Amino acid sequence: MNTKAQGPSGGLRLAQGELAQALRSCRGAIGGLALASTLINILYLSGSIYMLEGYDRVLTSRSVPTLVGLTMLVVLLYGFQGFLDLLRGRVLVRIARSLGEDFQRAHPCDHRPAGAV
């Protein structure tokens, strides 16, 4: 990669190349995040589907076992959604830390506040 940029927009071109390289190193994790986010968004519908099924099946038939089964299923789905959300958050933190370390190595600087001794 060319480390010396030419022209007024050269610094921007250099930063974009570094960003692209850093993102390529995290490609697998970002793909997993996309899949987890898709599943989480689908699982957000479980409450609405529970209400629809409750009004459609349980109220018309007055079936307590159906209500208990639907409730257990929704509780399980909410637990899985929470687990995926926790996992997604941890992976995002790791990606952010990795990108931060890459940029810190590429552009080291002192991060002390102005006026600090």
N, C-alpha and C. Protein backbone atom coordinates (compact mmCIF):
# COMPACT_ATOMS: atom_id res chain seq x y z
N MET A 1 0.85 -1.18 0.00
CA MET A 1 0.00 0.00 0.00
C MET A 1 0.89 1.24 0.00
N ASN A 2 0.49 2.22 -0.74
CA ASN A 2 1.24 3.47 -0.83
C ASN A 2 1.01 4.29 0.43
N THR A 3 2.08 4.53 1.19
CA THR A 3 1.93 5.28 2.44
C THR A 3 2.06 6.78 2.24
N LYS A 4 2.60 7.20 1.11
CA LYS A 4 2.74 8.64 0.83
C LYS A 4 1.69 9.04 -0.19
N ALA A 5 0.73 9.82 0.24
CA ALA A 5 -0.35 10.24 -0.64
C ALA A 5 0.02 11.53 -1.34
N GLN A 6 -0.41 11.67 -2.57
CA GLN A 6 -0.16 12.86 -3.37
C GLN A 6 -1.44 13.67 -3.47
N GLY A 7 -1.31 14.98 -3.45
CA GLY A 7 -2.46 15.84 -3.69
C GLY A 7 -3.23 16.15 -2.42
N PRO A 8 -4.23 17.07 -2.55
CA PRO A 8 -4.98 17.50 -1.38
C PRO A 8 -5.88 16.41 -0.80
N SER A 9 -6.37 15.47 -1.62
CA SER A 9 -7.25 14.42 -1.08
C SER A 9 -6.48 13.14 -0.78
N GLY A 10 -5.17 13.19 -0.82
CA GLY A 10 -4.36 12.00 -0.60
C GLY A 10 -4.50 11.42 0.78
N GLY A 11 -4.60 12.28 1.80
CA GLY A 11 -4.77 11.79 3.17
C GLY A 11 -6.07 11.04 3.34
N LEU A 12 -7.11 11.53 2.69
CA LEU A 12 -8.41 10.85 2.74
C LEU A 12 -8.32 9.50 2.06
N ARG A 13 -7.64 9.43 0.92
CA ARG A 13 -7.49 8.19 0.18
C ARG A 13 -6.73 7.18 1.02
N LEU A 14 -5.71 7.62 1.73
CA LEU A 14 -4.92 6.75 2.59
C LEU A 14 -5.77 6.22 3.73
N ALA A 15 -6.57 7.08 4.36
CA ALA A 15 -7.42 6.65 5.48
C ALA A 15 -8.47 5.66 5.01
N GLN A 16 -9.04 5.87 3.82
CA GLN A 16 -10.04 4.93 3.31
C GLN A 16 -9.42 3.57 3.04
N GLY A 17 -8.17 3.55 2.54
CA GLY A 17 -7.49 2.28 2.30
C GLY A 17 -7.22 1.54 3.60
N GLU A 18 -6.83 2.26 4.62
CA GLU A 18 -6.59 1.63 5.92
C GLU A 18 -7.89 1.10 6.51
N LEU A 19 -8.96 1.87 6.37
CA LEU A 19 -10.25 1.42 6.87
C LEU A 19 -10.71 0.17 6.15
N ALA A 20 -10.57 0.15 4.83
CA ALA A 20 -10.98 -1.02 4.05
C ALA A 20 -10.17 -2.25 4.46
N GLN A 21 -8.88 -2.07 4.68
CA GLN A 21 -8.04 -3.19 5.10
C GLN A 21 -8.45 -3.69 6.48
N ALA A 22 -8.73 -2.78 7.40
CA ALA A 22 -9.12 -3.18 8.75
C ALA A 22 -10.47 -3.89 8.73
N LEU A 23 -11.41 -3.41 7.91
CA LEU A 23 -12.71 -4.06 7.82
C LEU A 23 -12.61 -5.43 7.16
N ARG A 24 -11.71 -5.58 6.19
CA ARG A 24 -11.52 -6.90 5.57
C ARG A 24 -11.02 -7.91 6.59
N SER A 25 -10.22 -7.47 7.54
CA SER A 25 -9.72 -8.40 8.56
C SER A 25 -10.84 -8.87 9.49
N CYS A 26 -11.94 -8.11 9.56
CA CYS A 26 -13.07 -8.47 10.42
C CYS A 26 -14.27 -8.99 9.63
N ARG A 27 -14.07 -9.35 8.37
CA ARG A 27 -15.17 -9.71 7.49
C ARG A 27 -16.02 -10.86 8.04
N GLY A 28 -15.39 -11.91 8.56
CA GLY A 28 -16.14 -13.05 9.08
C GLY A 28 -17.02 -12.68 10.27
N ALA A 29 -16.47 -11.87 11.17
CA ALA A 29 -17.24 -11.45 12.34
C ALA A 29 -18.39 -10.54 11.93
N ILE A 30 -18.17 -9.69 10.95
CA ILE A 30 -19.24 -8.80 10.50
C ILE A 30 -20.35 -9.60 9.82
N GLY A 31 -19.99 -10.64 9.08
CA GLY A 31 -21.00 -11.52 8.47
C GLY A 31 -21.82 -12.23 9.54
N GLY A 32 -21.15 -12.69 10.60
CA GLY A 32 -21.87 -13.32 11.70
C GLY A 32 -22.80 -12.34 12.41
N LEU A 33 -22.35 -11.09 12.53
CA LEU A 33 -23.20 -10.06 13.12
C LEU A 33 -24.44 -9.80 12.28
N ALA A 34 -24.28 -9.81 10.97
CA ALA A 34 -25.43 -9.61 10.09
C ALA A 34 -26.44 -10.74 10.26
N LEU A 35 -25.95 -11.97 10.36
CA LEU A 35 -26.84 -13.11 10.57
C LEU A 35 -27.54 -13.02 11.93
N ALA A 36 -26.78 -12.71 12.98
CA ALA A 36 -27.37 -12.59 14.31
C ALA A 36 -28.40 -11.46 14.35
N SER A 37 -28.11 -10.34 13.70
CA SER A 37 -29.05 -9.22 13.68
C SER A 37 -30.33 -9.59 12.94
N THR A 38 -30.19 -10.35 11.86
CA THR A 38 -31.38 -10.80 11.12
C THR A 38 -32.24 -11.70 12.00
N LEU A 39 -31.62 -12.64 12.70
CA LEU A 39 -32.37 -13.53 13.59
C LEU A 39 -33.03 -12.76 14.73
N ILE A 40 -32.32 -11.80 15.29
CA ILE A 40 -32.89 -10.99 16.38
C ILE A 40 -34.10 -10.21 15.89
N ASN A 41 -34.00 -9.64 14.69
CA ASN A 41 -35.13 -8.89 14.15
C ASN A 41 -36.34 -9.79 13.89
N ILE A 42 -36.10 -11.02 13.46
CA ILE A 42 -37.21 -11.95 13.27
C ILE A 42 -37.80 -12.34 14.63
N LEU A 43 -36.94 -12.53 15.63
CA LEU A 43 -37.42 -12.90 16.96
C LEU A 43 -38.21 -11.77 17.62
N TYR A 44 -38.00 -10.52 17.20
CA TYR A 44 -38.80 -9.42 17.72
C TYR A 44 -40.29 -9.60 17.39
N LEU A 45 -40.59 -10.40 16.39
CA LEU A 45 -41.98 -10.63 16.01
C LEU A 45 -42.68 -11.65 16.91
N SER A 46 -41.94 -12.33 17.78
CA SER A 46 -42.54 -13.41 18.57
C SER A 46 -43.65 -12.92 19.49
N GLY A 47 -43.53 -11.72 20.05
CA GLY A 47 -44.60 -11.19 20.90
C GLY A 47 -45.87 -10.93 20.12
N SER A 48 -45.72 -10.37 18.94
CA SER A 48 -46.89 -10.11 18.10
C SER A 48 -47.56 -11.40 17.65
N ILE A 49 -46.74 -12.37 17.27
CA ILE A 49 -47.30 -13.66 16.84
C ILE A 49 -47.99 -14.35 18.02
N TYR A 50 -47.42 -14.22 19.22
CA TYR A 50 -48.04 -14.79 20.41
C TYR A 50 -49.43 -14.20 20.63
N MET A 51 -49.54 -12.90 20.50
CA MET A 51 -50.84 -12.26 20.69
C MET A 51 -51.84 -12.69 19.61
N LEU A 52 -51.38 -12.76 18.38
CA LEU A 52 -52.26 -13.20 17.29
C LEU A 52 -52.76 -14.62 17.52
N GLU A 53 -51.84 -15.50 17.88
CA GLU A 53 -52.23 -16.90 18.13
C GLU A 53 -53.12 -17.01 19.37
N GLY A 54 -52.82 -16.20 20.36
CA GLY A 54 -53.65 -16.22 21.56
C GLY A 54 -55.09 -15.83 21.26
N TYR A 55 -55.28 -14.78 20.51
CA TYR A 55 -56.64 -14.35 20.16
C TYR A 55 -57.28 -15.32 19.18
N ASP A 56 -56.51 -15.88 18.27
CA ASP A 56 -57.08 -16.74 17.25
C ASP A 56 -57.39 -18.14 17.78
N ARG A 57 -56.49 -18.74 18.51
CA ARG A 57 -56.65 -20.13 18.93
C ARG A 57 -57.16 -20.28 20.37
N VAL A 58 -56.57 -19.53 21.28
CA VAL A 58 -56.87 -19.76 22.70
C VAL A 58 -58.24 -19.21 23.08
N LEU A 59 -58.54 -18.01 22.70
CA LEU A 59 -59.82 -17.42 23.09
C LEU A 59 -61.00 -18.10 22.44
N THR A 60 -60.84 -18.54 21.19
CA THR A 60 -61.97 -19.20 20.52
C THR A 60 -62.21 -20.60 21.07
N SER A 61 -61.15 -21.31 21.43
CA SER A 61 -61.33 -22.68 21.93
C SER A 61 -61.28 -22.78 23.45
N ARG A 62 -60.88 -21.71 24.13
CA ARG A 62 -60.71 -21.70 25.58
C ARG A 62 -59.79 -22.84 26.05
N SER A 63 -58.72 -23.04 25.28
CA SER A 63 -57.80 -24.14 25.55
C SER A 63 -56.63 -23.65 26.40
N VAL A 64 -56.61 -24.07 27.66
CA VAL A 64 -55.52 -23.70 28.56
C VAL A 64 -54.21 -24.38 28.16
N PRO A 65 -54.22 -25.67 27.74
CA PRO A 65 -52.94 -26.27 27.32
C PRO A 65 -52.30 -25.54 26.12
N THR A 66 -53.12 -25.04 25.21
CA THR A 66 -52.57 -24.28 24.07
C THR A 66 -51.94 -22.99 24.57
N LEU A 67 -52.58 -22.33 25.50
CA LEU A 67 -52.04 -21.09 26.07
C LEU A 67 -50.72 -21.35 26.78
N VAL A 68 -50.66 -22.43 27.56
CA VAL A 68 -49.42 -22.77 28.27
C VAL A 68 -48.31 -23.10 27.28
N GLY A 69 -48.63 -23.86 26.24
CA GLY A 69 -47.62 -24.21 25.23
C GLY A 69 -47.10 -22.99 24.50
N LEU A 70 -48.01 -22.11 24.09
CA LEU A 70 -47.59 -20.88 23.42
C LEU A 70 -46.74 -20.00 24.33
N THR A 71 -47.13 -19.92 25.59
CA THR A 71 -46.39 -19.10 26.54
C THR A 71 -44.98 -19.65 26.76
N MET A 72 -44.85 -20.96 26.91
CA MET A 72 -43.52 -21.56 27.09
C MET A 72 -42.66 -21.35 25.84
N LEU A 73 -43.26 -21.46 24.66
CA LEU A 73 -42.52 -21.24 23.43
C LEU A 73 -42.01 -19.80 23.33
N VAL A 74 -42.86 -18.84 23.67
CA VAL A 74 -42.47 -17.44 23.59
C VAL A 74 -41.40 -17.11 24.62
N VAL A 75 -41.49 -17.66 25.82
CA VAL A 75 -40.46 -17.44 26.83
C VAL A 75 -39.12 -18.00 26.34
N LEU A 76 -39.14 -19.17 25.72
CA LEU A 76 -37.93 -19.76 25.16
C LEU A 76 -37.36 -18.87 24.05
N LEU A 77 -38.23 -18.37 23.17
CA LEU A 77 -37.77 -17.50 22.09
C LEU A 77 -37.20 -16.18 22.62
N TYR A 78 -37.82 -15.62 23.66
CA TYR A 78 -37.28 -14.40 24.27
C TYR A 78 -35.92 -14.65 24.90
N GLY A 79 -35.74 -15.81 25.51
CA GLY A 79 -34.44 -16.16 26.08
C GLY A 79 -33.37 -16.29 25.01
N PHE A 80 -33.72 -16.94 23.89
CA PHE A 80 -32.79 -17.07 22.77
C PHE A 80 -32.46 -15.71 22.18
N GLN A 81 -33.45 -14.84 22.09
CA GLN A 81 -33.24 -13.49 21.58
C GLN A 81 -32.27 -12.72 22.49
N GLY A 82 -32.45 -12.84 23.79
CA GLY A 82 -31.55 -12.18 24.73
C GLY A 82 -30.13 -12.69 24.63
N PHE A 83 -29.99 -14.01 24.47
CA PHE A 83 -28.66 -14.61 24.32
C PHE A 83 -27.99 -14.10 23.05
N LEU A 84 -28.73 -14.08 21.93
CA LEU A 84 -28.15 -13.57 20.68
C LEU A 84 -27.77 -12.10 20.79
N ASP A 85 -28.59 -11.33 21.47
CA ASP A 85 -28.30 -9.90 21.63
C ASP A 85 -27.04 -9.70 22.48
N LEU A 86 -26.88 -10.48 23.54
CA LEU A 86 -25.68 -10.42 24.36
C LEU A 86 -24.45 -10.82 23.56
N LEU A 87 -24.56 -11.89 22.79
CA LEU A 87 -23.46 -12.36 21.97
C LEU A 87 -23.09 -11.32 20.91
N ARG A 88 -24.09 -10.71 20.29
CA ARG A 88 -23.85 -9.69 19.28
C ARG A 88 -23.13 -8.48 19.89
N GLY A 89 -23.53 -8.09 21.08
CA GLY A 89 -22.88 -6.96 21.75
C GLY A 89 -21.42 -7.24 22.05
N ARG A 90 -21.12 -8.45 22.50
CA ARG A 90 -19.73 -8.80 22.80
C ARG A 90 -18.87 -8.83 21.55
N VAL A 91 -19.43 -9.36 20.45
CA VAL A 91 -18.67 -9.40 19.20
C VAL A 91 -18.43 -7.98 18.69
N LEU A 92 -19.43 -7.11 18.81
CA LEU A 92 -19.25 -5.72 18.39
C LEU A 92 -18.14 -5.03 19.19
N VAL A 93 -18.08 -5.29 20.48
CA VAL A 93 -17.03 -4.70 21.31
C VAL A 93 -15.66 -5.22 20.88
N ARG A 94 -15.57 -6.50 20.56
CA ARG A 94 -14.28 -7.05 20.12
C ARG A 94 -13.86 -6.47 18.77
N ILE A 95 -14.81 -6.30 17.86
CA ILE A 95 -14.48 -5.69 16.57
C ILE A 95 -14.03 -4.25 16.77
N ALA A 96 -14.73 -3.51 17.61
CA ALA A 96 -14.35 -2.12 17.87
C ALA A 96 -12.97 -2.04 18.48
N ARG A 97 -12.68 -2.93 19.41
CA ARG A 97 -11.36 -2.94 20.04
C ARG A 97 -10.28 -3.26 19.01
N SER A 98 -10.55 -4.23 18.14
CA SER A 98 -9.59 -4.60 17.10
C SER A 98 -9.35 -3.45 16.14
N LEU A 99 -10.42 -2.79 15.70
CA LEU A 99 -10.27 -1.66 14.79
C LEU A 99 -9.52 -0.51 15.48
N GLY A 100 -9.82 -0.28 16.74
CA GLY A 100 -9.13 0.77 17.48
C GLY A 100 -7.65 0.50 17.61
N GLU A 101 -7.30 -0.76 17.87
CA GLU A 101 -5.88 -1.12 17.98
C GLU A 101 -5.19 -0.98 16.63
N ASP A 102 -5.87 -1.38 15.55
CA ASP A 102 -5.28 -1.23 14.21
C ASP A 102 -5.00 0.23 13.90
N PHE A 103 -5.95 1.10 14.18
CA PHE A 103 -5.76 2.52 13.88
C PHE A 103 -4.76 3.16 14.83
N GLN A 104 -4.68 2.67 16.05
CA GLN A 104 -3.70 3.20 17.00
C GLN A 104 -2.29 2.86 16.55
N ARG A 105 -2.11 1.64 16.01
CA ARG A 105 -0.81 1.26 15.50
C ARG A 105 -0.46 2.07 14.25
N ALA A 106 -1.47 2.33 13.41
CA ALA A 106 -1.22 3.08 12.18
C ALA A 106 -0.99 4.56 12.44
N HIS A 107 -1.67 5.11 13.43
CA HIS A 107 -1.59 6.54 13.73
C HIS A 107 -1.41 6.75 15.23
N PRO A 108 -0.23 6.45 15.77
CA PRO A 108 -0.05 6.64 17.21
C PRO A 108 -0.08 8.11 17.59
N CYS A 109 -0.71 8.40 18.67
CA CYS A 109 -0.76 9.78 19.18
C CYS A 109 -1.00 9.73 20.67
N ASP A 110 -0.77 10.86 21.31
CA ASP A 110 -0.96 10.99 22.76
C ASP A 110 -2.40 11.44 23.00
N HIS A 111 -3.15 10.69 23.80
CA HIS A 111 -4.57 10.99 24.03
C HIS A 111 -4.83 11.69 25.35
N ARG A 112 -3.81 12.34 25.92
CA ARG A 112 -4.04 13.06 27.17
C ARG A 112 -4.81 14.34 26.88
N PRO A 113 -5.72 14.73 27.78
CA PRO A 113 -6.46 15.98 27.58
C PRO A 113 -5.52 17.18 27.61
N ALA A 114 -5.90 18.22 26.94
CA ALA A 114 -5.08 19.43 26.91
C ALA A 114 -4.97 20.00 28.31
N GLY A 115 -3.78 20.41 28.71
CA GLY A 115 -3.55 20.98 30.03
C GLY A 115 -3.20 19.96 31.09
N ALA A 116 -3.31 18.65 30.77
CA ALA A 116 -2.95 17.62 31.75
C ALA A 116 -1.43 17.47 31.83
N VAL A 117 -0.96 17.16 33.00
CA VAL A 117 0.49 17.05 33.22
C VAL A 117 0.91 15.62 33.11
